[in-house]
Protein backbone atom coordinates (compact mmCIF):
# COMPACT_ATOMS: atom_id res chain seq x y z
CA MET A 1 -1.05 -8.25 3.28
CA ALA A 2 -2.08 -11.35 1.30
CA VAL A 3 0.58 -13.45 -0.42
CA ALA A 4 0.73 -14.17 -4.15
CA THR A 5 2.88 -17.32 -4.41
CA PHE A 6 3.39 -20.63 -2.61
CA GLN A 7 6.88 -19.58 -1.53
CA GLN A 8 5.51 -16.38 -0.02
CA LEU A 9 2.97 -18.49 1.85
CA LYS A 10 5.71 -20.64 3.37
CA ASP A 11 7.83 -17.60 4.21
CA ARG A 12 4.90 -15.92 5.94
CA LEU A 13 4.13 -18.99 8.04
CA HIS A 14 7.78 -19.09 9.13
CA ASP A 15 7.31 -15.65 10.63
CA PRO A 16 6.83 -16.23 14.40
CA VAL A 17 3.86 -13.88 14.74
CA ALA A 18 2.03 -14.95 11.58
CA GLY A 19 2.77 -18.61 12.28
CA ALA A 20 1.39 -18.38 15.80
CA GLN A 21 -1.74 -16.59 14.58
CA PHE A 22 -2.33 -19.25 11.93
CA ALA A 23 -1.79 -22.10 14.41
CA ALA A 24 -4.25 -20.55 16.86
CA ALA A 25 -6.87 -19.99 14.16
CA PHE A 26 -6.52 -23.57 12.90
CA ALA A 27 -6.61 -25.04 16.41
CA ASP A 28 -9.82 -23.18 17.22
CA GLY A 29 -11.55 -25.00 14.41
CA TYR A 30 -9.84 -28.37 14.59
CA PHE A 31 -10.32 -28.87 18.32
CA ALA A 32 -13.94 -27.75 18.24
CA VAL A 33 -14.76 -31.46 17.84
CA ALA A 34 -13.18 -34.68 19.09
CA PHE A 35 -9.60 -35.33 17.99
CA ALA A 36 -9.31 -37.16 14.62
CA ALA A 37 -13.06 -36.80 14.03
CA THR A 38 -12.57 -34.25 11.24
CA PRO A 39 -12.39 -35.67 7.68
CA LYS A 40 -9.51 -34.62 5.42
CA SER A 41 -11.67 -32.37 3.24
CA GLU A 42 -12.75 -30.49 6.34
CA VAL A 43 -9.15 -30.22 7.57
CA ASP A 44 -8.26 -28.65 4.21
CA GLN A 45 -11.11 -26.21 4.66
CA LEU A 46 -9.97 -25.35 8.19
CA VAL A 47 -6.51 -24.56 6.83
CA PHE A 48 -8.03 -22.36 4.15
CA ASP A 49 -10.27 -20.56 6.66
CA ALA A 50 -7.32 -19.98 8.99
CA LEU A 51 -5.21 -18.53 6.17
CA VAL A 52 -8.03 -16.13 5.34
CA LYS A 53 -8.54 -15.21 8.99
CA VAL A 54 -4.90 -14.17 9.44
CA LYS A 55 -4.99 -12.31 6.08
CA ILE A 56 -2.49 -14.53 4.31
CA ILE A 57 -5.09 -15.28 1.63
CA ASP A 58 -7.42 -12.61 0.28
CA PRO A 59 -10.92 -14.07 -0.26
CA ASP A 60 -11.79 -11.12 -2.47
CA GLY A 61 -8.79 -11.60 -4.72
CA PRO A 62 -8.66 -13.49 -8.02
CA VAL A 63 -9.41 -17.21 -7.80
CA TYR A 64 -6.34 -17.88 -9.94
CA THR A 65 -4.11 -16.22 -7.31
CA ILE A 66 -5.60 -18.38 -4.56
CA ALA A 67 -5.04 -21.48 -6.69
CA ARG A 68 -1.44 -20.44 -7.36
CA VAL A 69 -0.71 -19.79 -3.69
CA LEU A 70 -2.10 -23.17 -2.59
CA LYS A 71 -0.88 -25.11 -5.65
CA VAL A 72 -4.35 -26.45 -6.38
CA THR A 73 -6.60 -26.25 -9.42
CA PRO A 74 -8.81 -23.17 -9.86
CA ALA A 75 -11.82 -25.48 -9.40
CA LYS A 76 -10.50 -26.61 -6.00
CA ALA A 77 -9.70 -23.03 -4.98
CA ARG A 78 -13.18 -21.91 -6.06
CA SER A 79 -14.79 -24.73 -4.07
CA MET A 80 -12.92 -23.86 -0.86
CA LEU A 81 -13.65 -20.16 -1.35
CA PHE A 82 -17.35 -20.92 -1.80
CA GLN A 83 -17.43 -22.98 1.40
CA HIS A 84 -15.64 -20.20 3.25
CA GLN A 85 -18.07 -17.58 1.98
CA LEU A 86 -21.12 -19.67 2.88
CA ARG A 87 -19.88 -20.20 6.42
CA ASN A 88 -18.55 -16.74 7.16
CA ASP A 89 -20.44 -14.20 5.06
CA ASP A 90 -23.30 -12.60 6.99
CA SER A 91 -23.69 -9.54 4.77
CA ASP A 92 -26.75 -8.57 2.77
CA LEU A 93 -26.27 -10.56 -0.44
CA ASP A 94 -28.45 -8.25 -2.51
CA GLN A 95 -26.25 -5.31 -1.50
CA ALA A 96 -23.18 -7.41 -2.17
CA VAL A 97 -24.40 -8.19 -5.70
CA LEU A 98 -24.87 -4.52 -6.57
CA ARG A 99 -21.58 -3.60 -4.91
CA THR A 100 -19.76 -6.31 -6.85
CA LEU A 101 -21.26 -5.23 -10.16
CA SER A 102 -20.33 -1.60 -9.53
CA GLN A 103 -16.70 -2.60 -8.98
CA ALA A 104 -16.49 -5.26 -11.69
CA LYS A 105 -14.90 -4.70 -15.04
CA PHE A 106 -17.58 -4.65 -17.69
CA SER A 107 -17.94 -4.43 -21.42
CA VAL A 108 -20.96 -3.26 -23.37
CA ASP A 109 -22.14 -3.43 -26.93
CA ASP A 110 -25.34 -2.12 -28.48
CA LYS A 111 -27.42 -4.86 -26.84
CA ARG A 112 -25.81 -6.35 -23.75
CA LEU A 113 -23.87 -5.31 -20.68
CA SER A 114 -21.38 -8.02 -19.68
CA PHE A 115 -19.81 -8.28 -16.21
CA GLY A 116 -17.05 -10.53 -14.93
CA VAL A 117 -18.30 -12.05 -11.65
CA GLU A 118 -15.65 -14.28 -10.07
CA SER A 119 -17.01 -14.74 -6.54
CA PRO A 120 -18.83 -18.11 -6.39
CA LEU A 121 -21.16 -16.79 -3.68
CA ILE A 122 -22.18 -13.74 -5.71
CA ARG A 123 -22.64 -15.86 -8.83
CA SER A 124 -24.88 -18.25 -6.90
CA ALA A 125 -26.87 -15.36 -5.43
CA ILE A 126 -27.47 -13.89 -8.88
CA GLU A 127 -28.40 -17.25 -10.37
CA ALA A 128 -30.81 -18.02 -7.53
CA ARG A 129 -32.50 -14.64 -7.81
CA LEU A 130 -32.88 -14.95 -11.57
CA LYS A 131 -34.58 -18.31 -11.09
CA THR A 132 -36.76 -17.05 -8.23
CA VAL A 133 -38.03 -13.96 -10.04
CA GLY A 134 -38.35 -15.81 -13.31
CA VAL A 135 -38.70 -12.78 -15.58
CA PHE A 136 -35.20 -12.55 -16.99
CA SER A 137 -35.36 -14.83 -20.00
CA ASP A 138 -32.78 -12.66 -21.80
CA ILE A 139 -30.40 -12.33 -18.84
CA SER A 140 -27.78 -15.05 -18.64
CA LEU A 141 -25.02 -16.16 -16.28
CA SER A 142 -22.53 -18.40 -18.03
CA GLY A 143 -19.43 -19.33 -16.07
CA GLU A 144 -18.08 -16.05 -14.71
CA ILE A 145 -19.82 -13.80 -17.25
CA LEU A 146 -23.14 -12.13 -16.45
CA ARG A 147 -24.92 -10.65 -19.46
CA VAL A 148 -27.78 -8.18 -19.03
CA PRO A 149 -29.63 -6.62 -21.98
CA THR A 150 -29.06 -2.86 -21.75
CA ASN A 151 -32.80 -2.18 -22.01
CA GLN A 152 -33.44 -4.40 -18.94
CA LEU A 153 -30.94 -2.71 -16.63
CA GLY A 154 -33.67 -1.33 -14.36
CA THR A 155 -35.54 -4.62 -14.20
CA PHE A 156 -32.35 -6.40 -13.19
CA VAL A 157 -31.26 -3.83 -10.58
CA ARG A 158 -34.72 -3.72 -9.01
CA ALA A 159 -34.58 -7.45 -8.32
CA PHE A 160 -31.70 -6.85 -5.91
CA MET A 161 -33.11 -3.88 -4.00
CA SER A 162 -35.59 -3.76 -1.15
CA GLY A 163 -38.75 -1.72 -1.63
CA GLU A 164 -37.49 0.94 0.77
CA ARG A 165 -34.18 1.37 -1.01
CA ALA A 166 -35.80 1.31 -4.42
CA GLU A 167 -38.13 4.09 -3.29
CA ALA A 168 -35.20 6.12 -1.97
CA LEU A 169 -33.38 5.66 -5.26
CA SER A 170 -36.51 6.61 -7.19
CA LYS A 171 -36.66 9.96 -5.42
CA LYS A 172 -33.09 10.67 -6.45
CA LEU A 173 -33.87 10.12 -10.11
CA LYS A 174 -35.21 13.40 -11.43
CA GLY A 175 -38.88 13.24 -12.37
CA VAL A 176 -39.30 9.64 -11.18
CA ALA A 177 -41.57 9.28 -8.16
CA ASN A 178 -42.54 5.62 -7.99
CA ASP A 179 -41.12 2.13 -8.24
CA LYS A 180 -42.43 1.48 -11.76
CA GLY A 181 -41.01 4.80 -12.90
CA PHE A 182 -37.66 3.91 -11.35
CA VAL A 183 -37.48 0.67 -13.31
CA ASP A 184 -38.64 2.29 -16.53
CA ALA A 185 -36.12 5.13 -16.15
CA LEU A 186 -33.19 2.75 -15.78
CA ASN A 187 -34.42 0.56 -18.62
CA LYS A 188 -34.61 3.66 -20.81
CA PHE A 189 -31.18 4.74 -19.58
CA GLY A 190 -29.73 1.42 -20.71
CA LYS A 191 -31.41 1.66 -24.09
CA ASP A 192 -30.23 5.25 -24.66
CA VAL A 193 -26.69 4.48 -23.52
CA ALA A 194 -26.58 1.50 -25.88
CA ALA A 195 -27.56 3.76 -28.77
CA ASP A 196 -24.80 6.23 -27.90
CA LEU A 197 -22.25 3.44 -27.52
CA ALA A 198 -22.84 2.57 -31.15
CA LYS A 199 -21.64 6.03 -32.19
CA ASP A 200 -17.95 6.87 -32.08
CA ALA A 201 -18.67 10.49 -31.14
CA THR A 202 -20.60 9.60 -27.98
CA LYS A 203 -19.16 6.21 -27.01
CA GLU A 204 -16.75 7.50 -24.36
CA VAL A 205 -19.40 9.66 -22.69
CA ALA A 206 -21.90 6.79 -22.62
CA GLN A 207 -19.33 4.41 -21.11
CA GLU A 208 -18.55 6.94 -18.38
CA ALA A 209 -22.24 7.47 -17.69
CA LEU A 210 -22.83 3.75 -17.31
CA GLY A 211 -19.93 3.32 -14.89
CA SER A 212 -21.06 6.33 -12.84
CA LEU A 213 -24.63 5.08 -12.59
CA LEU A 214 -23.60 1.57 -11.52
CA GLY A 215 -21.41 3.02 -8.76
CA TRP A 216 -24.21 5.31 -7.64
CA ILE A 217 -26.72 2.47 -7.53
CA ALA A 218 -24.36 0.39 -5.39
CA GLU A 219 -23.95 3.34 -3.01
CA ALA A 220 -27.71 3.72 -2.82
CA ALA A 221 -28.16 0.02 -2.11
CA SER A 222 -25.70 0.20 0.78
CA GLY A 223 -26.45 3.64 2.16
CA GLY A 224 -30.17 4.16 1.59
CA VAL A 225 -31.21 7.80 1.25
CA GLY A 226 -27.82 9.21 2.17
CA VAL A 227 -26.37 8.88 -1.29
CA GLY A 228 -24.60 11.54 -3.31
CA GLU A 229 -25.99 13.18 -6.42
CA LEU A 230 -25.61 11.57 -9.80
CA ALA A 231 -22.82 12.81 -12.00
CA ASP A 232 -24.02 15.42 -14.52
CA VAL A 233 -23.21 13.11 -17.39
CA VAL A 234 -25.63 10.50 -16.00
CA SER A 235 -28.40 13.01 -15.43
CA ASN A 236 -28.43 13.77 -19.15
CA TYR A 237 -29.92 10.35 -19.76
CA LEU A 238 -32.61 10.51 -17.08
CA PRO A 239 -36.01 12.24 -16.95
CA GLN A 240 -35.75 15.89 -15.99
CA GLY A 241 -37.96 17.27 -13.22
């Protein structure tokens, strides 16, 4: 279990088993090159990587917690986390983006869906894709907040799905048989949900529908055709076949 304070970090490293595991993990990296050839910044990174490897630090936890544990600034913690993710993450980044968004806390008004995206790797992946595709003039990533216009939800999601997975997802959406229809259906979903969010009587239902759909999309992105059915509340917003 990951620690939450600097004192807990020291206590864990005093444990014979945890201490030995950390020492071995650090030595593997440090002695991969000639002795004293590693610059201080890289030694710091090796320490960070070793702490993650032995599960003393949780790389998926809040950046503030990592900073507190190591007694460094959030900027320093974020930098080391980014380096760790770049060197050790071999997962499908597009899947990771959709998975992260499905699990992130979000807020929504009548125009925009806002996500908190703390992982520096995921933020960089989103930013790079937005620049590569070049069609999201209204979608912004400022600091840790990603804002997507509700009526562009499908356009955004499609940018992070392969053609095969998008086709599989299209078949699951009732009455939608092609990629263009898939995008249009989700764009319409976002627009309709936004309208319902503006009404007190339907706000709670619309919020639930949005959360359910995001989770379902992430499942589809990871599992292909073997995804579960949409919740009934979500289906109410989609074309009926």
